[in-house]
Amino acid sequence: MLIVLATSPRVAPGLLSWPAWQALRSADAVLAPAGHPQLPALDEAGIGYQVTDEPGATPADGVVVWLPAPGAEPPVPPGAELLRGSADLPGAHLMDLVATMDRLRVECPWDSRQTHASLAPHLLEEPYEALEALESGDAQAFCEELGDTLLQVVFHARIAAERDDASSFTIDDVADGIVAKLVRRHPHVFADVNVSGADEVTRNWDEIKREEKRLKAERHGLDPSGQPAPSALDGVPFGQPALALAAQLQRRAARAGVPDELARQAEAGSADSGGSGGSIGGELFRLVAVARAADRDPEMELRAAARRYLDLVHRWERGAATP
């Protein structure tokens, strides 16, 4: 009998299931290719083995365990049994991306010369391409574009890891940071805080963020008496599209209890700035408030309208091209 013992390259050698160790200990013969990562673990466990590239013929009255190279789905000859000695946990394939990026950074002339600055445009472009794929309804394209977006995170972290000063950080630091933030901002999941619903989760999130900003100011030695108080609008990125920016500013302000009158003053200020451009800006800002009141995202609404317009133009073009 032949047992094909499959293992994962993402699990440390020796970390095998109990059935796998039982099969190895009770086998009449254990076969594995040279350099198999499990061989040192077999040596340590006192399990003998033969180094060979193929399992060969199996004795009719014996049990042979074959350890193919880890990773790929191994071929299972007719009559053989497949036993999985180790399996990937969810997210384990991210290790492959990190290893691939490490190799590209060393061996690829293009990848090796990139910097944070040269990659910066992709931080904006790739998420938009992912959004376009999502809107198209093509799940496979969306998956691929998410991969391109994820690459930017891994790429920047790899560049940062090469520095030998206090600004250096690794992909593990990035992961640790976001995990710590998620745990800290979800006390209703990871601690003993009770919430009544999603609205209370949002309020708690904002309160926790304000406290984080206060503590950050203290860590940096800022004198509260000489520094402006933390604002509910701190951290809003002004590099985002204008409609999305206006919507985020208004959402943040509303959650902080800022009176709506200030938004109306911003509209009036745009109109008073002179020229038709100012009045258009004020009207757009007002429409953002209308969308927010209707619980709609103005950026997505405008994108949907643009896509409808695109479809209409395409239909018109097809009609115009028809003799």
C-alpha atoms as a PDB file:
ATOM      1  CA  MET A   1       0.000   0.000   0.000  1.00  0.00           C
ATOM      2  CA  LEU A   2       1.260   3.454  -0.907  1.00  0.00           C
ATOM      3  CA  ILE A   3       0.426   6.492   1.207  1.00  0.00           C
ATOM      4  CA  VAL A   4       1.136   9.851  -0.420  1.00  0.00           C
ATOM      5  CA  LEU A   5       1.852  12.255   2.449  1.00  0.00           C
ATOM      6  CA  ALA A   6       1.203  15.825   1.271  1.00  0.00           C
ATOM      7  CA  THR A   7       2.638  18.745   3.242  1.00  0.00           C
ATOM      8  CA  SER A   8       2.480  22.521   3.020  1.00  0.00           C
ATOM      9  CA  PRO A   9       5.628  24.618   2.433  1.00  0.00           C
ATOM     10  CA  ARG A  10       4.042  27.314   4.614  1.00  0.00           C
ATOM     11  CA  VAL A  11       3.964  25.146   7.741  1.00  0.00           C
ATOM     12  CA  ALA A  12       7.187  24.585   9.678  1.00  0.00           C
ATOM     13  CA  PRO A  13       8.779  21.147   9.089  1.00  0.00           C
ATOM     14  CA  GLY A  14       7.837  18.682  11.790  1.00  0.00           C
ATOM     15  CA  LEU A  15       4.451  20.255  12.437  1.00  0.00           C
ATOM     16  CA  LEU A  16       2.488  17.341  11.074  1.00  0.00           C
ATOM     17  CA  SER A  17      -0.876  15.907  12.029  1.00  0.00           C
ATOM     18  CA  TRP A  18      -0.999  12.961  14.415  1.00  0.00           C
ATOM     19  CA  PRO A  19      -2.243  10.586  11.649  1.00  0.00           C
ATOM     20  CA  ALA A  20       0.767  11.685   9.560  1.00  0.00           C
ATOM     21  CA  TRP A  21       3.236  10.844  12.336  1.00  0.00           C
ATOM     22  CA  GLN A  22       1.478   7.538  12.942  1.00  0.00           C
ATOM     23  CA  ALA A  23       1.788   6.656   9.258  1.00  0.00           C
ATOM     24  CA  LEU A  24       5.491   7.586   9.228  1.00  0.00           C
ATOM     25  CA  ARG A  25       6.280   5.563  12.360  1.00  0.00           C
ATOM     26  CA  SER A  26       4.369   2.459  11.289  1.00  0.00           C
ATOM     27  CA  ALA A  27       5.463   2.425   7.620  1.00  0.00           C
ATOM     28  CA  ASP A  28       7.650  -0.333   6.270  1.00  0.00           C
ATOM     29  CA  ALA A  29       9.438   2.281   4.169  1.00  0.00           C
ATOM     30  CA  VAL A  30       9.500   6.080   3.979  1.00  0.00           C
ATOM     31  CA  LEU A  31      10.596   7.626   0.698  1.00  0.00           C
ATOM     32  CA  ALA A  32      11.342  11.280  -0.050  1.00  0.00           C
ATOM     33  CA  PRO A  33      13.301  13.318  -2.611  1.00  0.00           C
ATOM     34  CA  ALA A  34      16.664  14.778  -1.621  1.00  0.00           C
ATOM     35  CA  GLY A  35      16.399  18.071   0.209  1.00  0.00           C
ATOM     36  CA  HIS A  36      12.817  17.552   1.348  1.00  0.00           C
ATOM     37  CA  PRO A  37      12.243  19.985   4.261  1.00  0.00           C
ATOM     38  CA  GLN A  38      10.765  17.207   6.427  1.00  0.00           C
ATOM     39  CA  LEU A  39      13.960  15.100   6.410  1.00  0.00           C
ATOM     40  CA  PRO A  40      15.580  16.840   9.428  1.00  0.00           C
ATOM     41  CA  ALA A  41      12.355  16.293  11.390  1.00  0.00           C
ATOM     42  CA  LEU A  42      12.429  12.591  10.462  1.00  0.00           C
ATOM     43  CA  ASP A  43      16.044  12.384  11.604  1.00  0.00           C
ATOM     44  CA  GLU A  44      15.160  13.990  14.913  1.00  0.00           C
ATOM     45  CA  ALA A  45      12.250  11.584  15.383  1.00  0.00           C
ATOM     46  CA  GLY A  46      14.462   8.585  14.589  1.00  0.00           C
ATOM     47  CA  ILE A  47      12.466   7.588  11.522  1.00  0.00           C
ATOM     48  CA  GLY A  48      14.504   5.998   8.744  1.00  0.00           C
ATOM     49  CA  TYR A  49      13.916   6.916   5.133  1.00  0.00           C
ATOM     50  CA  GLN A  50      15.246   6.424   1.623  1.00  0.00           C
ATOM     51  CA  VAL A  51      16.116   9.309  -0.647  1.00  0.00           C
ATOM     52  CA  THR A  52      14.594   8.848  -4.093  1.00  0.00           C
ATOM     53  CA  ASP A  53      12.811  10.970  -6.676  1.00  0.00           C
ATOM     54  CA  GLU A  54      10.016   8.454  -7.318  1.00  0.00           C
ATOM     55  CA  PRO A  55       8.060   6.145  -5.021  1.00  0.00           C
ATOM     56  CA  GLY A  56       8.602   3.217  -7.358  1.00  0.00           C
ATOM     57  CA  ALA A  57       6.867  -0.127  -6.954  1.00  0.00           C
ATOM     58  CA  THR A  58       5.116  -0.745  -3.656  1.00  0.00           C
ATOM     59  CA  PRO A  59       5.453  -4.150  -1.946  1.00  0.00           C
ATOM     60  CA  ALA A  60       2.152  -5.993  -1.893  1.00  0.00           C
ATOM     61  CA  ASP A  61       2.450  -6.797   1.794  1.00  0.00           C
ATOM     62  CA  GLY A  62       3.982  -3.565   3.042  1.00  0.00           C
ATOM     63  CA  VAL A  63       3.122   0.094   3.641  1.00  0.00           C
ATOM     64  CA  VAL A  64       5.201   2.763   1.941  1.00  0.00           C
ATOM     65  CA  VAL A  65       4.881   6.445   2.756  1.00  0.00           C
ATOM     66  CA  TRP A  66       5.939   8.764  -0.042  1.00  0.00           C
ATOM     67  CA  LEU A  67       6.752  12.395   0.765  1.00  0.00           C
ATOM     68  CA  PRO A  68       6.492  14.369  -2.488  1.00  0.00           C
ATOM     69  CA  ALA A  69       7.850  17.900  -2.699  1.00  0.00           C
ATOM     70  CA  PRO A  70       5.623  20.165  -0.613  1.00  0.00           C
ATOM     71  CA  GLY A  71       3.283  22.659  -2.171  1.00  0.00           C
ATOM     72  CA  ALA A  72       1.834  21.418  -5.436  1.00  0.00           C
ATOM     73  CA  GLU A  73      -1.064  18.977  -5.487  1.00  0.00           C
ATOM     74  CA  PRO A  74       0.778  15.631  -5.639  1.00  0.00           C
ATOM     75  CA  PRO A  75      -0.198  12.935  -8.139  1.00  0.00           C
ATOM     76  CA  VAL A  76      -1.849   9.971  -6.439  1.00  0.00           C
ATOM     77  CA  PRO A  77      -1.308   6.656  -8.255  1.00  0.00           C
ATOM     78  CA  PRO A  78      -4.312   4.322  -8.586  1.00  0.00           C
ATOM     79  CA  GLY A  79      -4.892   2.433  -5.351  1.00  0.00           C
ATOM     80  CA  ALA A  80      -2.789   4.847  -3.284  1.00  0.00           C
ATOM     81  CA  GLU A  81      -4.092   6.860  -0.341  1.00  0.00           C
ATOM     82  CA  LEU A  82      -3.661  10.617  -0.023  1.00  0.00           C
ATOM     83  CA  LEU A  83      -2.906  11.807   3.515  1.00  0.00           C
ATOM     84  CA  ARG A  84      -2.539  15.504   4.227  1.00  0.00           C
ATOM     85  CA  GLY A  85       0.053  15.944   6.936  1.00  0.00           C
ATOM     86  CA  SER A  86      -0.226  19.727   7.157  1.00  0.00           C
ATOM     87  CA  ALA A  87      -2.548  22.310   5.676  1.00  0.00           C
ATOM     88  CA  ASP A  88      -2.513  26.063   5.249  1.00  0.00           C
ATOM     89  CA  LEU A  89      -4.420  28.304   7.598  1.00  0.00           C
ATOM     90  CA  PRO A  90      -6.475  31.100   5.984  1.00  0.00           C
ATOM     91  CA  GLY A  91      -4.111  33.837   4.868  1.00  0.00           C
ATOM     92  CA  ALA A  92      -1.067  31.565   4.696  1.00  0.00           C
ATOM     93  CA  HIS A  93      -0.559  32.325   1.005  1.00  0.00           C
ATOM     94  CA  LEU A  94       0.311  35.893   1.953  1.00  0.00           C
ATOM     95  CA  MET A  95       3.689  34.412   2.897  1.00  0.00           C
ATOM     96  CA  ASP A  96       4.179  33.548  -0.777  1.00  0.00           C
ATOM     97  CA  LEU A  97       3.548  37.169  -1.745  1.00  0.00           C
ATOM     98  CA  VAL A  98       6.089  38.404   0.803  1.00  0.00           C
ATOM     99  CA  ALA A  99       8.692  35.878  -0.408  1.00  0.00           C
ATOM    100  CA  THR A 100       8.015  36.764  -4.056  1.00  0.00           C
ATOM    101  CA  MET A 101       8.394  40.483  -3.314  1.00  0.00           C
ATOM    102  CA  ASP A 102      11.668  39.839  -1.476  1.00  0.00           C
ATOM    103  CA  ARG A 103      13.054  38.007  -4.510  1.00  0.00           C
ATOM    104  CA  LEU A 104      11.861  40.627  -7.003  1.00  0.00           C
ATOM    105  CA  ARG A 105      13.437  43.370  -4.940  1.00  0.00           C
ATOM    106  CA  VAL A 106      16.801  41.622  -5.235  1.00  0.00           C
ATOM    107  CA  GLU A 107      16.713  40.100  -8.717  1.00  0.00           C
ATOM    108  CA  CYS A 108      14.509  42.383 -10.872  1.00  0.00           C
ATOM    109  CA  PRO A 109      16.184  45.570 -12.186  1.00  0.00           C
ATOM    110  CA  TRP A 110      12.876  47.463 -12.256  1.00  0.00           C
ATOM    111  CA  ASP A 111      11.605  46.387  -8.846  1.00  0.00           C
ATOM    112  CA  SER A 112      14.962  46.967  -7.189  1.00  0.00           C
ATOM    113  CA  ARG A 113      15.094  50.647  -8.206  1.00  0.00           C
ATOM    114  CA  GLN A 114      11.615  51.614  -7.010  1.00  0.00           C
ATOM    115  CA  THR A 115      11.108  53.998  -4.100  1.00  0.00           C
ATOM    116  CA  HIS A 116       8.153  55.155  -2.041  1.00  0.00           C
ATOM    117  CA  ALA A 117       7.957  58.216  -4.271  1.00  0.00           C
ATOM    118  CA  SER A 118       8.078  56.313  -7.572  1.00  0.00           C
ATOM    119  CA  LEU A 119       5.340  53.943  -6.401  1.00  0.00           C
ATOM    120  CA  ALA A 120       3.142  56.677  -4.950  1.00  0.00           C
ATOM    121  CA  PRO A 121       0.907  57.061  -8.057  1.00  0.00           C
ATOM    122  CA  HIS A 122      -0.025  53.393  -7.848  1.00  0.00           C
ATOM    123  CA  LEU A 123      -1.371  53.884  -4.324  1.00  0.00           C
ATOM    124  CA  LEU A 124      -4.085  55.970  -5.949  1.00  0.00           C
ATOM    125  CA  GLU A 125      -4.496  54.140  -9.253  1.00  0.00           C
ATOM    126  CA  GLU A 126      -4.804  50.550  -8.049  1.00  0.00           C
ATOM    127  CA  PRO A 127      -7.723  51.087  -5.625  1.00  0.00           C
ATOM    128  CA  TYR A 128      -9.631  52.903  -8.374  1.00  0.00           C
ATOM    129  CA  GLU A 129      -9.066  49.994 -10.737  1.00  0.00           C
ATOM    130  CA  ALA A 130     -10.340  47.648  -8.032  1.00  0.00           C
ATOM    131  CA  LEU A 131     -13.424  49.843  -7.618  1.00  0.00           C
ATOM    132  CA  GLU A 132     -14.054  49.795 -11.354  1.00  0.00           C
ATOM    133  CA  ALA A 133     -13.819  45.997 -11.377  1.00  0.00           C
ATOM    134  CA  LEU A 134     -16.264  45.822  -8.469  1.00  0.00           C
ATOM    135  CA  GLU A 135     -18.732  48.038 -10.305  1.00  0.00           C
ATOM    136  CA  SER A 136     -18.434  45.901 -13.431  1.00  0.00           C
ATOM    137  CA  GLY A 137     -19.700  42.854 -11.542  1.00  0.00           C
ATOM    138  CA  ASP A 138     -16.721  40.774 -12.697  1.00  0.00           C
ATOM    139  CA  ALA A 139     -15.719  38.924  -9.519  1.00  0.00           C
ATOM    140  CA  GLN A 140     -12.539  37.494 -11.036  1.00  0.00           C
ATOM    141  CA  ALA A 141     -11.388  40.915 -12.219  1.00  0.00           C
ATOM    142  CA  PHE A 142     -12.164  42.327  -8.774  1.00  0.00           C
ATOM    143  CA  CYS A 143     -10.077  39.596  -7.165  1.00  0.00           C
ATOM    144  CA  GLU A 144      -7.166  40.375  -9.486  1.00  0.00           C
ATOM    145  CA  GLU A 145      -7.342  44.118  -8.849  1.00  0.00           C
ATOM    146  CA  LEU A 146      -7.426  43.548  -5.096  1.00  0.00           C
ATOM    147  CA  GLY A 147      -4.198  41.628  -5.572  1.00  0.00           C
ATOM    148  CA  ASP A 148      -2.653  44.610  -7.365  1.00  0.00           C
ATOM    149  CA  THR A 149      -3.737  46.834  -4.480  1.00  0.00           C
ATOM    150  CA  LEU A 150      -2.303  44.423  -1.918  1.00  0.00           C
ATOM    151  CA  LEU A 151       0.984  44.395  -3.828  1.00  0.00           C
ATOM    152  CA  GLN A 152       1.399  48.116  -3.126  1.00  0.00           C
ATOM    153  CA  VAL A 153       1.219  47.473   0.622  1.00  0.00           C
ATOM    154  CA  VAL A 154       3.777  44.675   0.464  1.00  0.00           C
ATOM    155  CA  PHE A 155       6.043  46.635  -1.896  1.00  0.00           C
ATOM    156  CA  HIS A 156       6.160  49.732   0.318  1.00  0.00           C
ATOM    157  CA  ALA A 157       6.748  47.630   3.417  1.00  0.00           C
ATOM    158  CA  ARG A 158       9.631  45.821   1.706  1.00  0.00           C
ATOM    159  CA  ILE A 159      11.261  49.132   0.791  1.00  0.00           C
ATOM    160  CA  ALA A 160      10.831  50.414   4.338  1.00  0.00           C
ATOM    161  CA  ALA A 161      12.366  47.234   5.772  1.00  0.00           C
ATOM    162  CA  GLU A 162      15.614  47.955   3.927  1.00  0.00           C
ATOM    163  CA  ARG A 163      16.280  51.094   5.955  1.00  0.00           C
ATOM    164  CA  ASP A 164      18.464  50.818   9.036  1.00  0.00           C
ATOM    165  CA  ASP A 165      17.168  53.852  10.928  1.00  0.00           C
ATOM    166  CA  ALA A 166      14.180  54.591  13.130  1.00  0.00           C
ATOM    167  CA  SER A 167      11.906  54.987  10.072  1.00  0.00           C
ATOM    168  CA  SER A 168      12.254  51.328   9.144  1.00  0.00           C
ATOM    169  CA  PHE A 169       9.300  48.959   9.409  1.00  0.00           C
ATOM    170  CA  THR A 170       8.349  45.556   8.023  1.00  0.00           C
ATOM    171  CA  ILE A 171       5.208  43.950   6.629  1.00  0.00           C
ATOM    172  CA  ASP A 172       4.766  42.338  10.051  1.00  0.00           C
ATOM    173  CA  ASP A 173       4.806  45.788  11.639  1.00  0.00           C
ATOM    174  CA  VAL A 174       2.085  46.851   9.200  1.00  0.00           C
ATOM    175  CA  ALA A 175      -0.012  43.794  10.070  1.00  0.00           C
ATOM    176  CA  ASP A 176       0.600  44.166  13.810  1.00  0.00           C
ATOM    177  CA  GLY A 177      -0.417  47.805  13.658  1.00  0.00           C
ATOM    178  CA  ILE A 178      -3.743  47.245  11.942  1.00  0.00           C
ATOM    179  CA  VAL A 179      -4.569  44.233  14.132  1.00  0.00           C
ATOM    180  CA  ALA A 180      -3.879  46.254  17.276  1.00  0.00           C
ATOM    181  CA  LYS A 181      -6.028  49.104  15.931  1.00  0.00           C
ATOM    182  CA  LEU A 182      -8.930  46.799  15.065  1.00  0.00           C
ATOM    183  CA  VAL A 183      -8.815  45.142  18.482  1.00  0.00           C
ATOM    184  CA  ARG A 184      -8.585  48.512  20.225  1.00  0.00           C
ATOM    185  CA  ARG A 185     -11.481  50.013  18.264  1.00  0.00           C
ATOM    186  CA  HIS A 186     -13.764  46.986  18.641  1.00  0.00           C
ATOM    187  CA  PRO A 187     -14.067  46.614  22.416  1.00  0.00           C
ATOM    188  CA  HIS A 188     -17.550  45.166  21.882  1.00  0.00           C
ATOM    189  CA  VAL A 189     -15.856  42.196  20.179  1.00  0.00           C
ATOM    190  CA  PHE A 190     -12.534  41.855  21.981  1.00  0.00           C
ATOM    191  CA  ALA A 191     -13.473  43.260  25.398  1.00  0.00           C
ATOM    192  CA  ASP A 192     -16.546  43.551  27.616  1.00  0.00           C
ATOM    193  CA  VAL A 193     -18.231  46.580  26.046  1.00  0.00           C
ATOM    194  CA  ASN A 194     -21.867  46.135  25.029  1.00  0.00           C
ATOM    195  CA  VAL A 195     -23.383  47.970  22.064  1.00  0.00           C
ATOM    196  CA  SER A 196     -26.954  48.336  20.888  1.00  0.00           C
ATOM    197  CA  GLY A 197     -26.142  48.386  17.173  1.00  0.00           C
ATOM    198  CA  ALA A 198     -24.009  49.723  14.356  1.00  0.00           C
ATOM    199  CA  ASP A 199     -24.631  53.387  15.253  1.00  0.00           C
ATOM    200  CA  GLU A 200     -23.186  52.905  18.712  1.00  0.00           C
ATOM    201  CA  VAL A 201     -20.210  51.088  17.213  1.00  0.00           C
ATOM    202  CA  THR A 202     -19.537  54.188  15.072  1.00  0.00           C
ATOM    203  CA  ARG A 203     -19.820  56.512  18.082  1.00  0.00           C
ATOM    204  CA  ASN A 204     -17.451  54.355  20.110  1.00  0.00           C
ATOM    205  CA  TRP A 205     -15.034  54.267  17.172  1.00  0.00           C
ATOM    206  CA  ASP A 206     -14.939  58.073  16.995  1.00  0.00           C
ATOM    207  CA  GLU A 207     -14.452  58.414  20.756  1.00  0.00           C
ATOM    208  CA  ILE A 208     -11.600  55.907  20.713  1.00  0.00           C
ATOM    209  CA  LYS A 209      -9.971  57.761  17.802  1.00  0.00           C
ATOM    210  CA  ARG A 210     -10.122  61.047  19.705  1.00  0.00           C
ATOM    211  CA  GLU A 211      -8.489  59.436  22.714  1.00  0.00           C
ATOM    212  CA  GLU A 212      -5.798  57.926  20.476  1.00  0.00           C
ATOM    213  CA  LYS A 213      -5.014  61.367  19.059  1.00  0.00           C
ATOM    214  CA  ARG A 214      -4.749  62.829  22.556  1.00  0.00           C
ATOM    215  CA  LEU A 215      -2.380  60.100  23.687  1.00  0.00           C
ATOM    216  CA  LYS A 216      -0.335  60.478  20.501  1.00  0.00           C
ATOM    217  CA  ALA A 217       0.083  64.192  21.202  1.00  0.00           C
ATOM    218  CA  GLU A 218       1.288  63.371  24.711  1.00  0.00           C
ATOM    219  CA  ARG A 219       3.795  60.810  23.412  1.00  0.00           C
ATOM    220  CA  HIS A 220       5.258  63.416  21.084  1.00  0.00           C
ATOM    221  CA  GLY A 221       5.677  65.853  23.958  1.00  0.00           C
ATOM    222  CA  LEU A 222       3.155  68.356  22.651  1.00  0.00           C
ATOM    223  CA  ASP A 223       1.973  70.913  25.188  1.00  0.00           C
ATOM    224  CA  PRO A 224      -1.833  70.834  25.179  1.00  0.00           C
ATOM    225  CA  SER A 225      -1.928  74.494  26.210  1.00  0.00           C
ATOM    226  CA  GLY A 226       0.194  75.501  23.242  1.00  0.00           C
ATOM    227  CA  GLN A 227      -1.344  73.225  20.644  1.00  0.00           C
ATOM    228  CA  PRO A 228      -4.744  73.392  18.971  1.00  0.00           C
ATOM    229  CA  ALA A 229      -7.240  70.909  20.358  1.00  0.00           C
ATOM    230  CA  PRO A 230      -7.697  67.740  18.313  1.00  0.00           C
ATOM    231  CA  SER A 231     -10.307  68.259  15.634  1.00  0.00           C
ATOM    232  CA  ALA A 232     -12.971  65.825  14.480  1.00  0.00           C
ATOM    233  CA  LEU A 233     -11.642  66.470  10.971  1.00  0.00           C
ATOM    234  CA  ASP A 234      -8.030  65.582  11.757  1.00  0.00           C
ATOM    235  CA  GLY A 235      -6.728  62.898   9.433  1.00  0.00           C
ATOM    236  CA  VAL A 236      -9.171  63.490   6.578  1.00  0.00           C
ATOM    237  CA  PRO A 237      -7.004  63.062   3.466  1.00  0.00           C
ATOM    238  CA  PHE A 238      -7.350  66.040   1.137  1.00  0.00           C
ATOM    239  CA  GLY A 239      -5.785  64.105  -1.736  1.00  0.00           C
ATOM    240  CA  GLN A 240      -9.014  62.211  -2.375  1.00  0.00           C
ATOM    241  CA  PRO A 241     -11.573  63.258  -5.022  1.00  0.00           C
ATOM    242  CA  ALA A 242     -13.445  66.423  -4.108  1.00  0.00           C
ATOM    243  CA  LEU A 243     -16.899  64.825  -3.790  1.00  0.00           C
ATOM    244  CA  ALA A 244     -15.551  62.091  -1.536  1.00  0.00           C
ATOM    245  CA  LEU A 245     -13.642  64.724   0.461  1.00  0.00           C
ATOM    246  CA  ALA A 246     -16.723  66.870   0.992  1.00  0.00           C
ATOM    247  CA  ALA A 247     -18.741  63.814   2.022  1.00  0.00           C
ATOM    248  CA  GLN A 248     -16.140  62.643   4.517  1.00  0.00           C
ATOM    249  CA  LEU A 249     -15.800  66.116   6.019  1.00  0.00           C
ATOM    250  CA  GLN A 250     -19.562  66.399   6.438  1.00  0.00           C
ATOM    251  CA  ARG A 251     -19.901  62.881   7.905  1.00  0.00           C
ATOM    252  CA  ARG A 252     -17.118  63.467  10.418  1.00  0.00           C
ATOM    253  CA  ALA A 253     -18.528  66.870  11.369  1.00  0.00           C
ATOM    254  CA  ALA A 254     -22.056  65.527  11.819  1.00  0.00           C
ATOM    255  CA  ARG A 255     -20.873  62.718  14.102  1.00  0.00           C
ATOM    256  CA  ALA A 256     -18.994  65.297  16.185  1.00  0.00           C
ATOM    257  CA  GLY A 257     -22.121  67.436  16.581  1.00  0.00           C
ATOM    258  CA  VAL A 258     -20.977  70.271  14.311  1.00  0.00           C
ATOM    259  CA  PRO A 259     -24.058  72.374  13.424  1.00  0.00           C
ATOM    260  CA  ASP A 260     -25.352  72.080   9.865  1.00  0.00           C
ATOM    261  CA  GLU A 261     -25.258  75.871   9.644  1.00  0.00           C
ATOM    262  CA  LEU A 262     -21.491  75.710   9.050  1.00  0.00           C
ATOM    263  CA  ALA A 263     -22.056  73.609   5.933  1.00  0.00           C
ATOM    264  CA  ARG A 264     -24.556  76.169   4.660  1.00  0.00           C
ATOM    265  CA  GLN A 265     -22.023  78.927   5.340  1.00  0.00           C
ATOM    266  CA  ALA A 266     -19.471  76.980   3.264  1.00  0.00           C
ATOM    267  CA  GLU A 267     -21.999  76.868   0.414  1.00  0.00           C
ATOM    268  CA  ALA A 268     -22.617  80.607   0.682  1.00  0.00           C
ATOM    269  CA  GLY A 269     -18.904  81.306   0.881  1.00  0.00           C
ATOM    270  CA  SER A 270     -18.393  79.474  -2.379  1.00  0.00           C
ATOM    271  CA  ALA A 271     -21.099  81.515  -4.033  1.00  0.00           C
ATOM    272  CA  ASP A 272     -19.615  84.781  -2.719  1.00  0.00           C
ATOM    273  CA  SER A 273     -16.134  83.945  -4.016  1.00  0.00           C
ATOM    274  CA  GLY A 274     -16.995  85.413  -7.392  1.00  0.00           C
ATOM    275  CA  GLY A 275     -17.567  83.910 -10.814  1.00  0.00           C
ATOM    276  CA  SER A 276     -19.685  80.950 -11.791  1.00  0.00           C
ATOM    277  CA  GLY A 277     -17.078  78.497 -10.513  1.00  0.00           C
ATOM    278  CA  GLY A 278     -17.687  79.503  -6.914  1.00  0.00           C
ATOM    279  CA  SER A 279     -21.443  79.065  -7.153  1.00  0.00           C
ATOM    280  CA  ILE A 280     -20.973  75.665  -8.785  1.00  0.00           C
ATOM    281  CA  GLY A 281     -18.723  74.602  -5.918  1.00  0.00           C
ATOM    282  CA  GLY A 282     -21.325  75.722  -3.391  1.00  0.00           C
ATOM    283  CA  GLU A 283     -24.071  73.852  -5.235  1.00  0.00           C
ATOM    284  CA  LEU A 284     -21.971  70.695  -5.343  1.00  0.00           C
ATOM    285  CA  PHE A 285     -21.276  71.008  -1.630  1.00  0.00           C
ATOM    286  CA  ARG A 286     -25.024  71.380  -1.025  1.00  0.00           C
ATOM    287  CA  LEU A 287     -25.757  68.280  -3.118  1.00  0.00           C
ATOM    288  CA  VAL A 288     -23.262  66.341  -1.009  1.00  0.00           C
ATOM    289  CA  ALA A 289     -25.311  67.306   2.034  1.00  0.00           C
ATOM    290  CA  VAL A 290     -28.491  66.192   0.222  1.00  0.00           C
ATOM    291  CA  ALA A 291     -26.910  62.842  -0.574  1.00  0.00           C
ATOM    292  CA  ARG A 292     -25.745  62.437   3.019  1.00  0.00           C
ATOM    293  CA  ALA A 293     -29.252  63.191   4.302  1.00  0.00           C
ATOM    294  CA  ALA A 294     -30.557  60.447   1.996  1.00  0.00           C
ATOM    295  CA  ASP A 295     -27.858  58.066   3.287  1.00  0.00           C
ATOM    296  CA  ARG A 296     -26.283  57.907  -0.177  1.00  0.00           C
ATOM    297  CA  ASP A 297     -22.631  58.255  -1.115  1.00  0.00           C
ATOM    298  CA  PRO A 298     -22.244  61.194  -3.539  1.00  0.00           C
ATOM    299  CA  GLU A 299     -19.077  59.791  -5.090  1.00  0.00           C
ATOM    300  CA  MET A 300     -20.775  56.474  -5.870  1.00  0.00           C
ATOM    301  CA  GLU A 301     -23.915  58.251  -7.091  1.00  0.00           C
ATOM    302  CA  LEU A 302     -21.897  60.329  -9.536  1.00  0.00           C
ATOM    303  CA  ARG A 303     -19.956  57.262 -10.671  1.00  0.00           C
ATOM    304  CA  ALA A 304     -23.233  55.434 -11.292  1.00  0.00           C
ATOM    305  CA  ALA A 305     -24.527  58.383 -13.321  1.00  0.00           C
ATOM    306  CA  ALA A 306     -21.276  58.497 -15.294  1.00  0.00           C
ATOM    307  CA  ARG A 307     -21.561  54.778 -16.027  1.00  0.00           C
ATOM    308  CA  ARG A 308     -25.154  55.225 -17.210  1.00  0.00           C
ATOM    309  CA  TYR A 309     -24.011  58.052 -19.458  1.00  0.00           C
ATOM    310  CA  LEU A 310     -21.242  55.822 -20.826  1.00  0.00           C
ATOM    311  CA  ASP A 311     -23.775  53.124 -21.668  1.00  0.00           C
ATOM    312  CA  LEU A 312     -26.050  55.649 -23.373  1.00  0.00           C
ATOM    313  CA  VAL A 313     -23.174  56.976 -25.496  1.00  0.00           C
ATOM    314  CA  HIS A 314     -22.174  53.445 -26.459  1.00  0.00           C
ATOM    315  CA  ARG A 315     -25.743  52.672 -27.559  1.00  0.00           C
ATOM    316  CA  TRP A 316     -25.909  55.944 -29.506  1.00  0.00           C
ATOM    317  CA  GLU A 317     -22.591  55.153 -31.203  1.00  0.00           C
ATOM    318  CA  ARG A 318     -23.787  51.690 -32.203  1.00  0.00           C
ATOM    319  CA  GLY A 319     -26.981  53.218 -33.591  1.00  0.00           C
ATOM    320  CA  ALA A 320     -25.093  55.921 -35.457  1.00  0.00           C
ATOM    321  CA  ALA A 321     -22.791  53.335 -36.989  1.00  0.00           C
ATOM    322  CA  THR A 322     -25.731  51.262 -38.266  1.00  0.00           C
ATOM    323  CA  PRO A 323     -26.461  52.100 -41.943  1.00  0.00           C
END
